[in-house]
PDB file of N, CA and C in Angstrom:
ATOM      1  N   UNK A   1     -13.818  52.374  16.738  1.00  0.00           N
ATOM      2  CA  UNK A   1     -14.200  52.325  15.353  1.00  0.00           C
ATOM      3  C   UNK A   1     -13.816  53.649  14.692  1.00  0.00           C
ATOM      4  N   UNK A   2     -13.205  53.568  13.547  1.00  0.00           N
ATOM      5  CA  UNK A   2     -12.760  54.760  12.859  1.00  0.00           C
ATOM      6  C   UNK A   2     -13.905  55.385  12.059  1.00  0.00           C
ATOM      7  N   UNK A   3     -13.767  56.678  11.780  1.00  0.00           N
ATOM      8  CA  UNK A   3     -14.821  57.404  11.079  1.00  0.00           C
ATOM      9  C   UNK A   3     -15.063  56.842   9.682  1.00  0.00           C
ATOM     10  N   UNK A   4     -13.993  56.435   8.990  1.00  0.00           N
ATOM     11  CA  UNK A   4     -14.177  55.930   7.634  1.00  0.00           C
ATOM     12  C   UNK A   4     -14.894  54.578   7.614  1.00  0.00           C
ATOM     13  N   UNK A   5     -14.912  53.857   8.721  1.00  0.00           N
ATOM     14  CA  UNK A   5     -15.658  52.607   8.785  1.00  0.00           C
ATOM     15  C   UNK A   5     -17.160  52.867   8.956  1.00  0.00           C
ATOM     16  N   UNK A   6     -17.492  53.951   9.610  1.00  0.00           N
ATOM     17  CA  UNK A   6     -18.903  54.258   9.854  1.00  0.00           C
ATOM     18  C   UNK A   6     -19.537  54.887   8.624  1.00  0.00           C
ATOM     19  N   UNK A   7     -18.865  55.837   8.002  1.00  0.00           N
ATOM     20  CA  UNK A   7     -19.432  56.582   6.887  1.00  0.00           C
ATOM     21  C   UNK A   7     -19.000  56.009   5.535  1.00  0.00           C
ATOM     22  N   UNK A   8     -19.234  54.741   5.327  1.00  0.00           N
ATOM     23  CA  UNK A   8     -18.827  54.135   4.066  1.00  0.00           C
ATOM     24  C   UNK A   8     -19.729  54.575   2.919  1.00  0.00           C
ATOM     25  N   UNK A   9     -21.040  54.609   3.160  1.00  0.00           N
ATOM     26  CA  UNK A   9     -21.965  54.980   2.100  1.00  0.00           C
ATOM     27  C   UNK A   9     -22.437  56.410   2.240  1.00  0.00           C
ATOM     28  N   UNK A  10     -22.962  56.920   1.157  1.00  0.00           N
ATOM     29  CA  UNK A  10     -23.509  58.279   1.175  1.00  0.00           C
ATOM     30  C   UNK A  10     -24.902  58.225   1.796  1.00  0.00           C
ATOM     31  N   UNK A  11     -25.219  59.203   2.618  1.00  0.00           N
ATOM     32  CA  UNK A  11     -26.511  59.235   3.285  1.00  0.00           C
ATOM     33  C   UNK A  11     -27.561  59.699   2.279  1.00  0.00           C
ATOM     34  N   UNK A  12     -28.632  58.929   2.156  1.00  0.00           N
ATOM     35  CA  UNK A  12     -29.715  59.255   1.248  1.00  0.00           C
ATOM     36  C   UNK A  12     -30.752  60.067   2.016  1.00  0.00           C
ATOM     37  N   UNK A  13     -30.788  61.371   1.773  1.00  0.00           N
ATOM     38  CA  UNK A  13     -31.772  62.209   2.435  1.00  0.00           C
ATOM     39  C   UNK A  13     -32.160  63.372   1.538  1.00  0.00           C
ATOM     40  N   UNK A  14     -33.316  63.934   1.821  1.00  0.00           N
ATOM     41  CA  UNK A  14     -33.783  65.144   1.165  1.00  0.00           C
ATOM     42  C   UNK A  14     -34.428  66.006   2.218  1.00  0.00           C
ATOM     43  N   UNK A  15     -34.324  67.301   2.042  1.00  0.00           N
ATOM     44  CA  UNK A  15     -34.959  68.183   3.015  1.00  0.00           C
ATOM     45  C   UNK A  15     -35.587  69.369   2.310  1.00  0.00           C
ATOM     46  N   UNK A  16     -36.554  69.959   2.988  1.00  0.00           N
ATOM     47  CA  UNK A  16     -37.267  71.135   2.508  1.00  0.00           C
ATOM     48  C   UNK A  16     -37.187  72.180   3.610  1.00  0.00           C
ATOM     49  N   UNK A  17     -36.826  73.395   3.232  1.00  0.00           N
ATOM     50  CA  UNK A  17     -36.816  74.516   4.171  1.00  0.00           C
ATOM     51  C   UNK A  17     -37.874  75.503   3.722  1.00  0.00           C
ATOM     52  N   UNK A  18     -38.642  76.012   4.677  1.00  0.00           N
ATOM     53  CA  UNK A  18     -39.690  76.984   4.376  1.00  0.00           C
ATOM     54  C   UNK A  18     -39.708  78.013   5.494  1.00  0.00           C
ATOM     55  N   UNK A  19     -39.806  79.281   5.117  1.00  0.00           N
ATOM     56  CA  UNK A  19     -39.788  80.349   6.116  1.00  0.00           C
ATOM     57  C   UNK A  19     -41.112  81.087   6.078  1.00  0.00           C
ATOM     58  N   UNK A  20     -41.689  81.295   7.256  1.00  0.00           N
ATOM     59  CA  UNK A  20     -42.910  82.072   7.378  1.00  0.00           C
ATOM     60  C   UNK A  20     -42.731  83.040   8.542  1.00  0.00           C
ATOM     61  N   UNK A  21     -42.442  84.283   8.221  1.00  0.00           N
ATOM     62  CA  UNK A  21     -42.197  85.337   9.203  1.00  0.00           C
ATOM     63  C   UNK A  21     -41.119  84.904  10.196  1.00  0.00           C
ATOM     64  N   UNK A  22     -41.464  84.642  11.443  1.00  0.00           N
ATOM     65  CA  UNK A  22     -40.428  84.331  12.431  1.00  0.00           C
ATOM     66  C   UNK A  22     -40.204  82.829  12.601  1.00  0.00           C
ATOM     67  N   UNK A  23     -40.934  81.997  11.894  1.00  0.00           N
ATOM     68  CA  UNK A  23     -40.769  80.545  12.010  1.00  0.00           C
ATOM     69  C   UNK A  23     -40.100  79.976  10.765  1.00  0.00           C
ATOM     70  N   UNK A  24     -39.243  78.981  10.984  1.00  0.00           N
ATOM     71  CA  UNK A  24     -38.624  78.229   9.896  1.00  0.00           C
ATOM     72  C   UNK A  24     -39.027  76.768  10.044  1.00  0.00           C
ATOM     73  N   UNK A  25     -39.385  76.176   8.941  1.00  0.00           N
ATOM     74  CA  UNK A  25     -39.828  74.793   8.928  1.00  0.00           C
ATOM     75  C   UNK A  25     -38.826  73.971   8.141  1.00  0.00           C
ATOM     76  N   UNK A  26     -38.406  72.866   8.734  1.00  0.00           N
ATOM     77  CA  UNK A  26     -37.529  71.928   8.040  1.00  0.00           C
ATOM     78  C   UNK A  26     -38.222  70.570   8.072  1.00  0.00           C
ATOM     79  N   UNK A  27     -38.453  70.034   6.895  1.00  0.00           N
ATOM     80  CA  UNK A  27     -39.041  68.704   6.784  1.00  0.00           C
ATOM     81  C   UNK A  27     -38.038  67.863   6.017  1.00  0.00           C
ATOM     82  N   UNK A  28     -37.635  66.754   6.606  1.00  0.00           N
ATOM     83  CA  UNK A  28     -36.570  65.943   6.020  1.00  0.00           C
ATOM     84  C   UNK A  28     -37.010  64.489   5.878  1.00  0.00           C
ATOM     85  N   UNK A  29     -36.424  63.838   4.885  1.00  0.00           N
ATOM     86  CA  UNK A  29     -36.671  62.413   4.649  1.00  0.00           C
ATOM     87  C   UNK A  29     -35.319  61.718   4.599  1.00  0.00           C
ATOM     88  N   UNK A  30     -35.165  60.682   5.433  1.00  0.00           N
ATOM     89  CA  UNK A  30     -33.932  59.896   5.483  1.00  0.00           C
ATOM     90  C   UNK A  30     -34.253  58.443   5.155  1.00  0.00           C
ATOM     91  N   UNK A  31     -33.376  57.826   4.391  1.00  0.00           N
ATOM     92  CA  UNK A  31     -33.528  56.396   4.122  1.00  0.00           C
ATOM     93  C   UNK A  31     -33.145  55.633   5.380  1.00  0.00           C
ATOM     94  N   UNK A  32     -33.932  54.623   5.723  1.00  0.00           N
ATOM     95  CA  UNK A  32     -33.636  53.822   6.912  1.00  0.00           C
ATOM     96  C   UNK A  32     -32.338  53.059   6.712  1.00  0.00           C
ATOM     97  N   UNK A  33     -31.524  53.044   7.750  1.00  0.00           N
ATOM     98  CA  UNK A  33     -30.252  52.327   7.682  1.00  0.00           C
ATOM     99  C   UNK A  33     -30.471  50.813   7.703  1.00  0.00           C
ATOM    100  N   UNK A  34     -31.451  50.387   8.461  1.00  0.00           N
ATOM    101  CA  UNK A  34     -31.788  48.966   8.520  1.00  0.00           C
ATOM    102  C   UNK A  34     -33.267  48.857   8.866  1.00  0.00           C
ATOM    103  N   UNK A  35     -33.849  47.732   8.544  1.00  0.00           N
ATOM    104  CA  UNK A  35     -35.260  47.521   8.857  1.00  0.00           C
ATOM    105  C   UNK A  35     -35.389  46.315   9.786  1.00  0.00           C
ATOM    106  N   UNK A  36     -36.354  46.394  10.637  1.00  0.00           N
ATOM    107  CA  UNK A  36     -36.657  45.290  11.540  1.00  0.00           C
ATOM    108  C   UNK A  36     -37.660  44.356  10.884  1.00  0.00           C
ATOM    109  N   UNK A  37     -37.733  43.120  11.319  1.00  0.00           N
ATOM    110  CA  UNK A  37     -38.706  42.188  10.716  1.00  0.00           C
ATOM    111  C   UNK A  37     -40.156  42.653  10.883  1.00  0.00           C
ATOM    112  N   UNK A  38     -40.424  43.457  11.910  1.00  0.00           N
ATOM    113  CA  UNK A  38     -41.795  43.927  12.135  1.00  0.00           C
ATOM    114  C   UNK A  38     -42.138  45.157  11.301  1.00  0.00           C
ATOM    115  N   UNK A  39     -41.157  45.761  10.636  1.00  0.00           N
ATOM    116  CA  UNK A  39     -41.408  46.962   9.834  1.00  0.00           C
ATOM    117  C   UNK A  39     -42.143  46.617   8.550  1.00  0.00           C
ATOM    118  N   UNK A  40     -42.908  47.580   8.094  1.00  0.00           N
ATOM    119  CA  UNK A  40     -43.585  47.450   6.810  1.00  0.00           C
ATOM    120  C   UNK A  40     -42.537  47.619   5.708  1.00  0.00           C
ATOM    121  N   UNK A  41     -42.431  46.684   4.782  1.00  0.00           N
ATOM    122  CA  UNK A  41     -41.382  46.792   3.755  1.00  0.00           C
ATOM    123  C   UNK A  41     -41.582  47.977   2.808  1.00  0.00           C
ATOM    124  N   UNK A  42     -42.792  48.532   2.767  1.00  0.00           N
ATOM    125  CA  UNK A  42     -43.046  49.683   1.893  1.00  0.00           C
ATOM    126  C   UNK A  42     -42.467  50.976   2.459  1.00  0.00           C
ATOM    127  N   UNK A  43     -42.238  51.012   3.771  1.00  0.00           N
ATOM    128  CA  UNK A  43     -41.732  52.218   4.413  1.00  0.00           C
ATOM    129  C   UNK A  43     -40.209  52.168   4.498  1.00  0.00           C
ATOM    130  N   UNK A  44     -39.554  52.669   3.469  1.00  0.00           N
ATOM    131  CA  UNK A  44     -38.092  52.677   3.441  1.00  0.00           C
ATOM    132  C   UNK A  44     -37.500  53.953   4.020  1.00  0.00           C
ATOM    133  N   UNK A  45     -38.347  54.920   4.360  1.00  0.00           N
ATOM    134  CA  UNK A  45     -37.863  56.225   4.791  1.00  0.00           C
ATOM    135  C   UNK A  45     -38.439  56.627   6.140  1.00  0.00           C
ATOM    136  N   UNK A  46     -37.709  57.484   6.832  1.00  0.00           N
ATOM    137  CA  UNK A  46     -38.186  58.146   8.051  1.00  0.00           C
ATOM    138  C   UNK A  46     -38.334  59.628   7.738  1.00  0.00           C
ATOM    139  N   UNK A  47     -39.340  60.245   8.296  1.00  0.00           N
ATOM    140  CA  UNK A  47     -39.615  61.658   8.041  1.00  0.00           C
ATOM    141  C   UNK A  47     -39.538  62.430   9.350  1.00  0.00           C
ATOM    142  N   UNK A  48     -38.981  63.641   9.269  1.00  0.00           N
ATOM    143  CA  UNK A  48     -38.809  64.483  10.447  1.00  0.00           C
ATOM    144  C   UNK A  48     -39.338  65.877  10.165  1.00  0.00           C
ATOM    145  N   UNK A  49     -39.994  66.462  11.150  1.00  0.00           N
ATOM    146  CA  UNK A  49     -40.481  67.831  11.071  1.00  0.00           C
ATOM    147  C   UNK A  49     -39.864  68.630  12.206  1.00  0.00           C
ATOM    148  N   UNK A  50     -39.210  69.728  11.865  1.00  0.00           N
ATOM    149  CA  UNK A  50     -38.623  70.633  12.854  1.00  0.00           C
ATOM    150  C   UNK A  50     -39.174  72.025  12.603  1.00  0.00           C
ATOM    151  N   UNK A  51     -39.593  72.703  13.666  1.00  0.00           N
ATOM    152  CA  UNK A  51     -40.043  74.084  13.569  1.00  0.00           C
ATOM    153  C   UNK A  51     -39.148  74.916  14.473  1.00  0.00           C
ATOM    154  N   UNK A  52     -38.507  75.904  13.881  1.00  0.00           N
ATOM    155  CA  UNK A  52     -37.583  76.779  14.600  1.00  0.00           C
ATOM    156  C   UNK A  52     -38.143  78.195  14.623  1.00  0.00           C
ATOM    157  N   UNK A  53     -37.886  78.894  15.705  1.00  0.00           N
ATOM    158  CA  UNK A  53     -38.344  80.272  15.845  1.00  0.00           C
ATOM    159  C   UNK A  53     -37.132  81.175  16.036  1.00  0.00           C
ATOM    160  N   UNK A  54     -37.147  82.319  15.364  1.00  0.00           N
ATOM    161  CA  UNK A  54     -36.071  83.297  15.524  1.00  0.00           C
ATOM    162  C   UNK A  54     -36.335  84.137  16.763  1.00  0.00           C
ATOM    163  N   UNK A  55     -35.355  84.205  17.634  1.00  0.00           N
ATOM    164  CA  UNK A  55     -35.442  85.075  18.802  1.00  0.00           C
ATOM    165  C   UNK A  55     -34.216  85.968  18.823  1.00  0.00           C
ATOM    166  N   UNK A  56     -34.427  87.208  19.169  1.00  0.00           N
ATOM    167  CA  UNK A  56     -33.342  88.175  19.236  1.00  0.00           C
ATOM    168  C   UNK A  56     -33.084  88.518  20.694  1.00  0.00           C
ATOM    169  N   UNK A  57     -31.823  88.423  21.104  1.00  0.00           N
ATOM    170  CA  UNK A  57     -31.458  88.679  22.498  1.00  0.00           C
ATOM    171  C   UNK A  57     -30.243  89.589  22.557  1.00  0.00           C
ATOM    172  N   UNK A  58     -30.189  90.358  23.625  1.00  0.00           N
ATOM    173  CA  UNK A  58     -29.034  91.219  23.867  1.00  0.00           C
ATOM    174  C   UNK A  58     -27.898  90.338  24.366  1.00  0.00           C
ATOM    175  N   UNK A  59     -26.758  90.428  23.681  1.00  0.00           N
ATOM    176  CA  UNK A  59     -25.626  89.572  24.051  1.00  0.00           C
ATOM    177  C   UNK A  59     -24.499  90.343  24.717  1.00  0.00           C
ATOM    178  N   UNK A  60     -24.580  91.646  24.738  1.00  0.00           N
ATOM    179  CA  UNK A  60     -23.535  92.409  25.406  1.00  0.00           C
ATOM    180  C   UNK A  60     -23.529  93.854  24.962  1.00  0.00           C
ATOM    181  N   UNK A  61     -22.699  94.607  25.615  1.00  0.00           N
ATOM    182  CA  UNK A  61     -22.544  96.021  25.267  1.00  0.00           C
ATOM    183  C   UNK A  61     -21.083  96.285  24.937  1.00  0.00           C
ATOM    184  N   UNK A  62     -20.885  97.121  23.944  1.00  0.00           N
ATOM    185  CA  UNK A  62     -19.532  97.420  23.507  1.00  0.00           C
ATOM    186  C   UNK A  62     -19.424  98.914  23.194  1.00  0.00           C
ATOM    187  N   UNK A  63     -18.776  99.664  24.043  1.00  0.00           N
ATOM    188  CA  UNK A  63     -18.574 101.099  23.855  1.00  0.00           C
ATOM    189  C   UNK A  63     -19.890 101.837  23.604  1.00  0.00           C
ATOM    190  N   UNK A  64     -20.849 101.585  24.446  1.00  0.00           N
ATOM    191  CA  UNK A  64     -22.124 102.280  24.329  1.00  0.00           C
ATOM    192  C   UNK A  64     -23.083 101.693  23.320  1.00  0.00           C
ATOM    193  N   UNK A  65     -22.657 100.668  22.595  1.00  0.00           N
ATOM    194  CA  UNK A  65     -23.533 100.014  21.605  1.00  0.00           C
ATOM    195  C   UNK A  65     -24.010  98.680  22.161  1.00  0.00           C
ATOM    196  N   UNK A  66     -25.255  98.397  21.953  1.00  0.00           N
ATOM    197  CA  UNK A  66     -25.815  97.134  22.402  1.00  0.00           C
ATOM    198  C   UNK A  66     -25.719  96.115  21.277  1.00  0.00           C
ATOM    199  N   UNK A  67     -25.221  94.934  21.577  1.00  0.00           N
ATOM    200  CA  UNK A  67     -25.132  93.861  20.588  1.00  0.00           C
ATOM    201  C   UNK A  67     -26.378  92.981  20.703  1.00  0.00           C
ATOM    202  N   UNK A  68     -27.026  92.773  19.577  1.00  0.00           N
ATOM    203  CA  UNK A  68     -28.199  91.905  19.530  1.00  0.00           C
ATOM    204  C   UNK A  68     -27.910  90.805  18.520  1.00  0.00           C
ATOM    205  N   UNK A  69     -28.131  89.563  18.930  1.00  0.00           N
ATOM    206  CA  UNK A  69     -27.915  88.432  18.032  1.00  0.00           C
ATOM    207  C   UNK A  69     -29.192  87.630  17.879  1.00  0.00           C
ATOM    208  N   UNK A  70     -29.285  86.955  16.726  1.00  0.00           N
ATOM    209  CA  UNK A  70     -30.433  86.104  16.453  1.00  0.00           C
ATOM    210  C   UNK A  70     -30.110  84.670  16.877  1.00  0.00           C
ATOM    211  N   UNK A  71     -31.049  84.045  17.578  1.00  0.00           N
ATOM    212  CA  UNK A  71     -30.920  82.660  18.003  1.00  0.00           C
ATOM    213  C   UNK A  71     -32.067  81.849  17.425  1.00  0.00           C
ATOM    214  N   UNK A  72     -31.769  80.627  17.029  1.00  0.00           N
ATOM    215  CA  UNK A  72     -32.807  79.702  16.578  1.00  0.00           C
ATOM    216  C   UNK A  72     -33.238  78.845  17.760  1.00  0.00           C
ATOM    217  N   UNK A  73     -34.511  78.886  18.057  1.00  0.00           N
ATOM    218  CA  UNK A  73     -35.055  78.108  19.163  1.00  0.00           C
ATOM    219  C   UNK A  73     -36.000  77.067  18.579  1.00  0.00           C
ATOM    220  N   UNK A  74     -35.778  75.806  18.905  1.00  0.00           N
ATOM    221  CA  UNK A  74     -36.656  74.762  18.406  1.00  0.00           C
ATOM    222  C   UNK A  74     -37.948  74.765  19.216  1.00  0.00           C
ATOM    223  N   UNK A  75     -39.064  74.954  18.529  1.00  0.00           N
ATOM    224  CA  UNK A  75     -40.346  74.992  19.224  1.00  0.00           C
ATOM    225  C   UNK A  75     -41.152  73.710  19.014  1.00  0.00           C
ATOM    226  N   UNK A  76     -40.782  72.919  17.996  1.00  0.00           N
ATOM    227  CA  UNK A  76     -41.510  71.669  17.760  1.00  0.00           C
ATOM    228  C   UNK A  76     -40.625  70.725  16.958  1.00  0.00           C
ATOM    229  N   UNK A  77     -40.702  69.436  17.273  1.00  0.00           N
ATOM    230  CA  UNK A  77     -40.062  68.408  16.450  1.00  0.00           C
ATOM    231  C   UNK A  77     -40.851  67.110  16.578  1.00  0.00           C
ATOM    232  N   UNK A  78     -40.882  66.375  15.488  1.00  0.00           N
ATOM    233  CA  UNK A  78     -41.643  65.126  15.454  1.00  0.00           C
ATOM    234  C   UNK A  78     -41.047  64.230  14.370  1.00  0.00           C
ATOM    235  N   UNK A  79     -41.091  62.931  14.599  1.00  0.00           N
ATOM    236  CA  UNK A  79     -40.641  61.983  13.580  1.00  0.00           C
ATOM    237  C   UNK A  79     -41.824  61.112  13.168  1.00  0.00           C
ATOM    238  N   UNK A  80     -41.775  60.642  11.937  1.00  0.00           N
ATOM    239  CA  UNK A  80     -42.874  59.855  11.371  1.00  0.00           C
ATOM    240  C   UNK A  80     -42.307  58.622  10.678  1.00  0.00           C
ATOM    241  N   UNK A  81     -43.057  57.555  10.728  1.00  0.00           N
ATOM    242  CA  UNK A  81     -42.641  56.291  10.115  1.00  0.00           C
ATOM    243  C   UNK A  81     -42.922  56.229   8.621  1.00  0.00           C
ATOM    244  N   UNK A  82     -43.930  56.962   8.154  1.00  0.00           N
ATOM    245  CA  UNK A  82     -44.282  56.906   6.739  1.00  0.00           C
ATOM    246  C   UNK A  82     -44.708  58.282   6.251  1.00  0.00           C
ATOM    247  N   UNK A  83     -44.711  58.437   4.950  1.00  0.00           N
ATOM    248  CA  UNK A  83     -45.106  59.702   4.351  1.00  0.00           C
ATOM    249  C   UNK A  83     -46.574  60.006   4.652  1.00  0.00           C
ATOM    250  N   UNK A  84     -47.417  58.992   4.577  1.00  0.00           N
ATOM    251  CA  UNK A  84     -48.853  59.208   4.775  1.00  0.00           C
ATOM    252  C   UNK A  84     -49.169  59.566   6.225  1.00  0.00           C
ATOM    253  N   UNK A  85     -48.459  58.989   7.153  1.00  0.00           N
ATOM    254  CA  UNK A  85     -48.629  59.351   8.562  1.00  0.00           C
ATOM    255  C   UNK A  85     -48.266  60.821   8.775  1.00  0.00           C
ATOM    256  N   UNK A  86     -47.213  61.260   8.119  1.00  0.00           N
ATOM    257  CA  UNK A  86     -46.790  62.651   8.252  1.00  0.00           C
ATOM    258  C   UNK A  86     -47.823  63.595   7.649  1.00  0.00           C
ATOM    259  N   UNK A  87     -48.316  63.277   6.457  1.00  0.00           N
ATOM    260  CA  UNK A  87     -49.270  64.152   5.786  1.00  0.00           C
ATOM    261  C   UNK A  87     -50.567  64.275   6.589  1.00  0.00           C
ATOM    262  N   UNK A  88     -51.009  63.192   7.192  1.00  0.00           N
ATOM    263  CA  UNK A  88     -52.251  63.228   7.972  1.00  0.00           C
ATOM    264  C   UNK A  88     -52.128  64.079   9.227  1.00  0.00           C
ATOM    265  N   UNK A  89     -50.966  64.101   9.827  1.00  0.00           N
ATOM    266  CA  UNK A  89     -50.825  64.823  11.098  1.00  0.00           C
ATOM    267  C   UNK A  89     -50.192  66.210  10.959  1.00  0.00           C
ATOM    268  N   UNK A  90     -49.697  66.561   9.782  1.00  0.00           N
ATOM    269  CA  UNK A  90     -48.987  67.828   9.653  1.00  0.00           C
ATOM    270  C   UNK A  90     -49.934  69.030   9.523  1.00  0.00           C
ATOM    271  N   UNK A  91     -51.114  68.839   8.976  1.00  0.00           N
ATOM    272  CA  UNK A  91     -52.036  69.952   8.750  1.00  0.00           C
ATOM    273  C   UNK A  91     -52.409  70.697  10.039  1.00  0.00           C
ATOM    274  N   UNK A  92     -52.854  70.019  11.098  1.00  0.00           N
ATOM    275  CA  UNK A  92     -53.173  70.765  12.328  1.00  0.00           C
ATOM    276  C   UNK A  92     -51.958  71.443  12.960  1.00  0.00           C
ATOM    277  N   UNK A  93     -50.791  70.853  12.796  1.00  0.00           N
ATOM    278  CA  UNK A  93     -49.573  71.449  13.350  1.00  0.00           C
ATOM    279  C   UNK A  93     -49.258  72.744  12.605  1.00  0.00           C
ATOM    280  N   UNK A  94     -49.372  72.719  11.283  1.00  0.00           N
ATOM    281  CA  UNK A  94     -49.082  73.914  10.499  1.00  0.00           C
ATOM    282  C   UNK A  94     -50.090  75.023  10.765  1.00  0.00           C
ATOM    283  N   UNK A  95     -51.331  74.668  11.066  1.00  0.00           N
ATOM    284  CA  UNK A  95     -52.345  75.679  11.362  1.00  0.00           C
ATOM    285  C   UNK A  95     -52.001  76.490  12.606  1.00  0.00           C
ATOM    286  N   UNK A  96     -51.248  75.909  13.519  1.00  0.00           N
ATOM    287  CA  UNK A  96     -50.835  76.644  14.714  1.00  0.00           C
ATOM    288  C   UNK A  96     -49.787  77.699  14.407  1.00  0.00           C
ATOM    289  N   UNK A  97     -48.933  77.442  13.435  1.00  0.00           N
ATOM    290  CA  UNK A  97     -47.794  78.316  13.184  1.00  0.00           C
ATOM    291  C   UNK A  97     -47.934  79.178  11.932  1.00  0.00           C
ATOM    292  N   UNK A  98     -48.701  78.742  10.946  1.00  0.00           N
ATOM    293  CA  UNK A  98     -48.903  79.511   9.710  1.00  0.00           C
ATOM    294  C   UNK A  98     -50.383  79.861   9.625  1.00  0.00           C
ATOM    295  N   UNK A  99     -50.695  81.140   9.747  1.00  0.00           N
ATOM    296  CA  UNK A  99     -52.088  81.568   9.749  1.00  0.00           C
ATOM    297  C   UNK A  99     -52.651  81.736   8.345  1.00  0.00           C
ATOM    298  N   UNK A 100     -51.817  82.099   7.388  1.00  0.00           N
ATOM    299  CA  UNK A 100     -52.267  82.317   6.017  1.00  0.00           C
ATOM    300  C   UNK A 100     -52.430  80.980   5.294  1.00  0.00           C
ATOM    301  N   UNK A 101     -53.651  80.718   4.797  1.00  0.00           N
ATOM    302  CA  UNK A 101     -53.928  79.434   4.150  1.00  0.00           C
ATOM    303  C   UNK A 101     -53.112  79.255   2.869  1.00  0.00           C
ATOM    304  N   UNK A 102     -52.863  80.332   2.141  1.00  0.00           N
ATOM    305  CA  UNK A 102     -52.078  80.243   0.905  1.00  0.00           C
ATOM    306  C   UNK A 102     -50.652  79.803   1.168  1.00  0.00           C
ATOM    307  N   UNK A 103     -50.040  80.341   2.201  1.00  0.00           N
ATOM    308  CA  UNK A 103     -48.666  79.946   2.556  1.00  0.00           C
ATOM    309  C   UNK A 103     -48.635  78.514   3.073  1.00  0.00           C
ATOM    310  N   UNK A 104     -49.658  78.115   3.810  1.00  0.00           N
ATOM    311  CA  UNK A 104     -49.744  76.748   4.316  1.00  0.00           C
ATOM    312  C   UNK A 104     -49.846  75.768   3.153  1.00  0.00           C
ATOM    313  N   UNK A 105     -50.650  76.098   2.148  1.00  0.00           N
ATOM    314  CA  UNK A 105     -50.785  75.226   0.976  1.00  0.00           C
ATOM    315  C   UNK A 105     -49.492  75.169   0.174  1.00  0.00           C
ATOM    316  N   UNK A 106     -48.761  76.273   0.141  1.00  0.00           N
ATOM    317  CA  UNK A 106     -47.472  76.290  -0.565  1.00  0.00           C
ATOM    318  C   UNK A 106     -46.497  75.311   0.083  1.00  0.00           C
ATOM    319  N   UNK A 107     -46.478  75.295   1.415  1.00  0.00           N
ATOM    320  CA  UNK A 107     -45.605  74.347   2.121  1.00  0.00           C
ATOM    321  C   UNK A 107     -46.068  72.912   1.895  1.00  0.00           C
ATOM    322  N   UNK A 108     -47.354  72.675   1.911  1.00  0.00           N
ATOM    323  CA  UNK A 108     -47.862  71.316   1.678  1.00  0.00           C
ATOM    324  C   UNK A 108     -47.541  70.837   0.263  1.00  0.00           C
ATOM    325  N   UNK A 109     -47.538  71.741  -0.705  1.00  0.00           N
ATOM    326  CA  UNK A 109     -47.138  71.360  -2.066  1.00  0.00           C
ATOM    327  C   UNK A 109     -45.659  70.977  -2.115  1.00  0.00           C
ATOM    328  N   UNK A 110     -44.833  71.666  -1.343  1.00  0.00           N
ATOM    329  CA  UNK A 110     -43.419  71.299  -1.281  1.00  0.00           C
ATOM    330  C   UNK A 110     -43.229  69.939  -0.615  1.00  0.00           C
ATOM    331  N   UNK A 111     -44.074  69.643   0.371  1.00  0.00           N
ATOM    332  CA  UNK A 111     -43.971  68.364   1.092  1.00  0.00           C
ATOM    333  C   UNK A 111     -44.238  67.192   0.157  1.00  0.00           C
ATOM    334  N   UNK A 112     -45.083  67.374  -0.839  1.00  0.00           N
ATOM    335  CA  UNK A 112     -45.376  66.263  -1.756  1.00  0.00           C
ATOM    336  C   UNK A 112     -44.130  65.806  -2.511  1.00  0.00           C
ATOM    337  N   UNK A 113     -43.112  66.653  -2.594  1.00  0.00           N
ATOM    338  CA  UNK A 113     -41.871  66.255  -3.262  1.00  0.00           C
ATOM    339  C   UNK A 113     -41.093  65.220  -2.450  1.00  0.00           C
ATOM    340  N   UNK A 114     -41.440  65.051  -1.182  1.00  0.00           N
ATOM    341  CA  UNK A 114     -40.779  64.029  -0.360  1.00  0.00           C
ATOM    342  C   UNK A 114     -41.443  62.660  -0.484  1.00  0.00           C
ATOM    343  N   UNK A 115     -42.550  62.597  -1.186  1.00  0.00           N
ATOM    344  CA  UNK A 115     -43.243  61.332  -1.386  1.00  0.00           C
ATOM    345  C   UNK A 115     -42.412  60.443  -2.316  1.00  0.00           C
ATOM    346  N   UNK A 116     -42.128  59.212  -1.919  1.00  0.00           N
ATOM    347  CA  UNK A 116     -41.334  58.327  -2.790  1.00  0.00           C
ATOM    348  C   UNK A 116     -42.004  58.080  -4.137  1.00  0.00           C
ATOM    349  N   UNK A 117     -43.320  58.109  -4.203  1.00  0.00           N
ATOM    350  CA  UNK A 117     -44.029  57.904  -5.495  1.00  0.00           C
ATOM    351  C   UNK A 117     -43.851  59.088  -6.432  1.00  0.00           C
ATOM    352  N   UNK A 118     -43.542  60.252  -5.887  1.00  0.00           N
ATOM    353  CA  UNK A 118     -43.303  61.441  -6.708  1.00  0.00           C
ATOM    354  C   UNK A 118     -42.117  61.218  -7.633  1.00  0.00           C
ATOM    355  N   UNK A 119     -41.073  60.572  -7.131  1.00  0.00           N
ATOM    356  CA  UNK A 119     -39.887  60.326  -7.940  1.00  0.00           C
ATOM    357  C   UNK A 119     -40.066  59.134  -8.855  1.00  0.00           C
ATOM    358  N   UNK A 120     -40.939  58.198  -8.495  1.00  0.00           N
ATOM    359  CA  UNK A 120     -41.207  57.058  -9.371  1.00  0.00           C
ATOM    360  C   UNK A 120     -41.900  57.525 -10.649  1.00  0.00           C
ATOM    361  N   UNK A 121     -42.747  58.557 -10.554  1.00  0.00           N
ATOM    362  CA  UNK A 121     -43.438  59.100 -11.727  1.00  0.00           C
ATOM    363  C   UNK A 121     -42.463  59.847 -12.632  1.00  0.00           C
ATOM    364  N   UNK A 122     -41.484  60.513 -12.051  1.00  0.00           N
ATOM    365  CA  UNK A 122     -40.540  61.316 -12.827  1.00  0.00           C
ATOM    366  C   UNK A 122     -39.608  60.456 -13.666  1.00  0.00           C
ATOM    367  N   UNK A 123     -39.349  59.245 -13.228  1.00  0.00           N
ATOM    368  CA  UNK A 123     -38.402  58.372 -13.948  1.00  0.00           C
ATOM    369  C   UNK A 123     -39.038  57.631 -15.040  1.00  0.00           C
TER     370      UNK A 123
END
């Protein structure tokens, strides 16, 4: 199968990036490519949460200088079937990685932009 046969349509997705000290949070919403008969027709999207941590490691020495590079290490990932399932389970996960309540609330406010009803109100 050729690449142009697979990628005929544009992928409908949105993502949010948030940085808190050494952790980066990516929360993404993708439109389902197909639905099964057992799926809820209201859930047209899949949601993903990725938490990455910055780690610095020595990668080599060059003429007496030490080279240090930054690596992204995935420390957590989870997928969700609906927006409400994600919102209910994301709070305890964020409490482990973001200690400041103000920053945690800022990220949760950004997450509300992934709600499909958020865009229905704007139109």
